């Protein structure tokens, strides 16, 4: 009897020694009942939606979007206007440059001004006379010396006059018997300039006044204001551009 109990106790000790020292217990599954209840409580305690405030927020948002769209349209319009202005300015600059170049390539002409044939521009010795076909030559052989410009009381030799025209001067001829007032007006016109204009009497004229430039000529009956325009238009248009001071 005692032997059986001892064997039984020894087996129990052996089993206990073989059993794991610690048994990990798994936590019981969480119940979703509490979560659902909390959600229902939040729904019950949630404030009701204020439709008026929601509408106001929506209206403010729409206004902001409309303002942004309007600003974008205005900015695009300003860019288009700036581009158009830049293009217009560029076209204007090109037009001005084109007109200036055209004026240089094709100088202006006054109505009624004739263009006699070019007779050349060779030089002869100073004091040597040249047989011109007209009393107011606008080109041809001429003296090697050049005259001074301004108002002259004695008739300028045509050989010197043609040399002045070659240098870009304008020579205004008038008949010695021209009315004194007309002569005074011619003097006043010539004195408005300080370079490359000559006023001289000419006893061989058939017209009262003749304005000449290189290969250009126009006759006048009186001291017309257009004579000043003739000077401004044709002065400096000779084959050479040489200053001729008074």
Foldseek 3Di string as FASTA:
>chain_A
DVVVVVVVVVVVVVVVVPDDPDDDDDDDDDDCPVVVVVVVVCVVVDDDDDPVVVVVVVVVVVVVVVVVVVVVVVVVVVVVVVVVVVVVVVVVVVVVVVVVVVCVVPPDDDPQKAFDDAAAEAEDEPPDADDDPALADQHHYAHPDEDAAAEDEAADRNRNVNVLLQQQAKEKEFAPPPDPVQVVLVNVLRVVDFWRYHYGYGNRDPEGMWIYHRRIIHGDNGNDPCSSVVRVRRGQVHNHHDTRGD
